[in-house]
Amino acid sequence: MTSRVIRLRAEDLTTFVNAASRCSFDINIAPKSYEHDYVDAKSLVGVMSLNLRLPLVVTYEGSDPAFENYLAAHAVPEAS
């Protein structure tokens, strides 16, 4: 399972869901502090219900270069 921490703004939600929907594997997304409260990343209504003030954890099993690039562009830098 792969996990990435990202930040999204309200104007990013549709493009995020579209990028996730193009993948053939399941993708979940949840606020970092509440990772057990995940939603289907391919559901616009589900993603709209998230608290965008928090970093979001995206988890998935699979590989898609376009989706990986999308996540990289929205990645939260790791604390050193």
C-alpha atoms as a PDB file:
ATOM      1  CA  MET A   1       0.000   0.000   0.000  1.00  0.00           C
ATOM      2  CA  THR A   2       1.295   3.444  -0.914  1.00  0.00           C
ATOM      3  CA  SER A   3       0.501   6.575   1.098  1.00  0.00           C
ATOM      4  CA  ARG A   4       1.089  10.184   0.086  1.00  0.00           C
ATOM      5  CA  VAL A   5       0.347  13.342   2.069  1.00  0.00           C
ATOM      6  CA  ILE A   6      -1.062  16.190  -0.007  1.00  0.00           C
ATOM      7  CA  ARG A   7      -2.884  19.482   0.343  1.00  0.00           C
ATOM      8  CA  LEU A   8      -5.857  20.414  -1.786  1.00  0.00           C
ATOM      9  CA  ARG A   9      -7.759  23.655  -2.189  1.00  0.00           C
ATOM     10  CA  ALA A  10     -11.464  23.767  -3.018  1.00  0.00           C
ATOM     11  CA  GLU A  11     -10.636  24.598  -6.633  1.00  0.00           C
ATOM     12  CA  ASP A  12      -8.488  21.410  -6.861  1.00  0.00           C
ATOM     13  CA  LEU A  13     -11.245  18.947  -5.946  1.00  0.00           C
ATOM     14  CA  THR A  14     -12.636  18.271  -9.407  1.00  0.00           C
ATOM     15  CA  THR A  15      -9.214  17.747 -10.979  1.00  0.00           C
ATOM     16  CA  PHE A  16      -8.177  15.475  -8.086  1.00  0.00           C
ATOM     17  CA  VAL A  17     -11.295  13.299  -8.438  1.00  0.00           C
ATOM     18  CA  ASN A  18     -10.843  13.189 -12.228  1.00  0.00           C
ATOM     19  CA  ALA A  19      -7.202  12.097 -11.826  1.00  0.00           C
ATOM     20  CA  ALA A  20      -8.203   9.410  -9.308  1.00  0.00           C
ATOM     21  CA  SER A  21     -11.102   8.221 -11.468  1.00  0.00           C
ATOM     22  CA  ARG A  22      -8.759   7.475 -14.370  1.00  0.00           C
ATOM     23  CA  CYS A  23      -6.966   4.866 -12.218  1.00  0.00           C
ATOM     24  CA  SER A  24      -8.067   1.226 -12.329  1.00  0.00           C
ATOM     25  CA  PHE A  25      -7.345   0.647  -8.614  1.00  0.00           C
ATOM     26  CA  ASP A  26      -9.060   1.791  -5.403  1.00  0.00           C
ATOM     27  CA  ILE A  27      -7.912   5.082  -3.869  1.00  0.00           C
ATOM     28  CA  ASN A  28      -8.863   6.406  -0.444  1.00  0.00           C
ATOM     29  CA  ILE A  29      -8.320   9.852   1.028  1.00  0.00           C
ATOM     30  CA  ALA A  30      -8.652  11.098   4.608  1.00  0.00           C
ATOM     31  CA  PRO A  31      -7.535  14.006   6.779  1.00  0.00           C
ATOM     32  CA  LYS A  32      -4.107  13.232   8.247  1.00  0.00           C
ATOM     33  CA  SER A  33      -5.341  13.396  11.849  1.00  0.00           C
ATOM     34  CA  TYR A  34      -8.341  11.161  11.089  1.00  0.00           C
ATOM     35  CA  GLU A  35      -6.989   8.523   8.714  1.00  0.00           C
ATOM     36  CA  HIS A  36      -9.626   5.991   9.785  1.00  0.00           C
ATOM     37  CA  ASP A  37     -12.336   8.335   8.409  1.00  0.00           C
ATOM     38  CA  TYR A  38     -11.391   7.853   4.772  1.00  0.00           C
ATOM     39  CA  VAL A  39     -13.596   8.374   1.723  1.00  0.00           C
ATOM     40  CA  ASP A  40     -13.413   7.062  -1.820  1.00  0.00           C
ATOM     41  CA  ALA A  41     -11.135   9.443  -3.723  1.00  0.00           C
ATOM     42  CA  LYS A  42     -13.208   8.877  -6.866  1.00  0.00           C
ATOM     43  CA  SER A  43     -16.299  10.374  -5.210  1.00  0.00           C
ATOM     44  CA  LEU A  44     -16.589  14.143  -5.613  1.00  0.00           C
ATOM     45  CA  VAL A  45     -19.214  14.344  -2.862  1.00  0.00           C
ATOM     46  CA  GLY A  46     -16.980  12.312  -0.539  1.00  0.00           C
ATOM     47  CA  VAL A  47     -13.905  14.415  -1.233  1.00  0.00           C
ATOM     48  CA  MET A  48     -15.954  17.614  -0.809  1.00  0.00           C
ATOM     49  CA  SER A  49     -16.834  16.466   2.718  1.00  0.00           C
ATOM     50  CA  LEU A  50     -13.177  16.543   3.853  1.00  0.00           C
ATOM     51  CA  ASN A  51     -11.634  19.268   5.984  1.00  0.00           C
ATOM     52  CA  LEU A  52      -9.276  20.935   3.505  1.00  0.00           C
ATOM     53  CA  ARG A  53      -7.517  22.866   6.271  1.00  0.00           C
ATOM     54  CA  LEU A  54      -5.736  19.627   7.193  1.00  0.00           C
ATOM     55  CA  PRO A  55      -3.172  17.714   5.151  1.00  0.00           C
ATOM     56  CA  LEU A  56      -4.792  14.756   3.412  1.00  0.00           C
ATOM     57  CA  VAL A  57      -3.477  11.205   3.240  1.00  0.00           C
ATOM     58  CA  VAL A  58      -4.052   9.395  -0.049  1.00  0.00           C
ATOM     59  CA  THR A  59      -3.667   5.608   0.109  1.00  0.00           C
ATOM     60  CA  TYR A  60      -3.770   3.187  -2.789  1.00  0.00           C
ATOM     61  CA  GLU A  61      -2.382  -0.033  -4.225  1.00  0.00           C
ATOM     62  CA  GLY A  62      -1.471   0.333  -7.845  1.00  0.00           C
ATOM     63  CA  SER A  63       0.560   2.493 -10.160  1.00  0.00           C
ATOM     64  CA  ASP A  64      -0.382   5.250 -12.563  1.00  0.00           C
ATOM     65  CA  PRO A  65       2.272   7.777 -13.644  1.00  0.00           C
ATOM     66  CA  ALA A  66      -0.230  10.590 -14.306  1.00  0.00           C
ATOM     67  CA  PHE A  67      -1.788  10.162 -10.856  1.00  0.00           C
ATOM     68  CA  GLU A  68       1.654  10.003  -9.221  1.00  0.00           C
ATOM     69  CA  ASN A  69       2.556  13.279 -10.964  1.00  0.00           C
ATOM     70  CA  TYR A  70      -0.665  14.880  -9.723  1.00  0.00           C
ATOM     71  CA  LEU A  71       0.097  13.817  -6.149  1.00  0.00           C
ATOM     72  CA  ALA A  72       3.695  15.046  -6.438  1.00  0.00           C
ATOM     73  CA  ALA A  73       2.463  18.480  -7.515  1.00  0.00           C
ATOM     74  CA  HIS A  74       0.281  18.698  -4.371  1.00  0.00           C
ATOM     75  CA  ALA A  75       2.643  16.961  -1.942  1.00  0.00           C
ATOM     76  CA  VAL A  76       3.260  18.292   1.543  1.00  0.00           C
ATOM     77  CA  PRO A  77       7.017  18.565   2.089  1.00  0.00           C
ATOM     78  CA  GLU A  78       8.287  16.103   4.671  1.00  0.00           C
ATOM     79  CA  ALA A  79       9.621  17.620   7.898  1.00  0.00           C
ATOM     80  CA  SER A  80      13.298  16.980   8.381  1.00  0.00           C
END
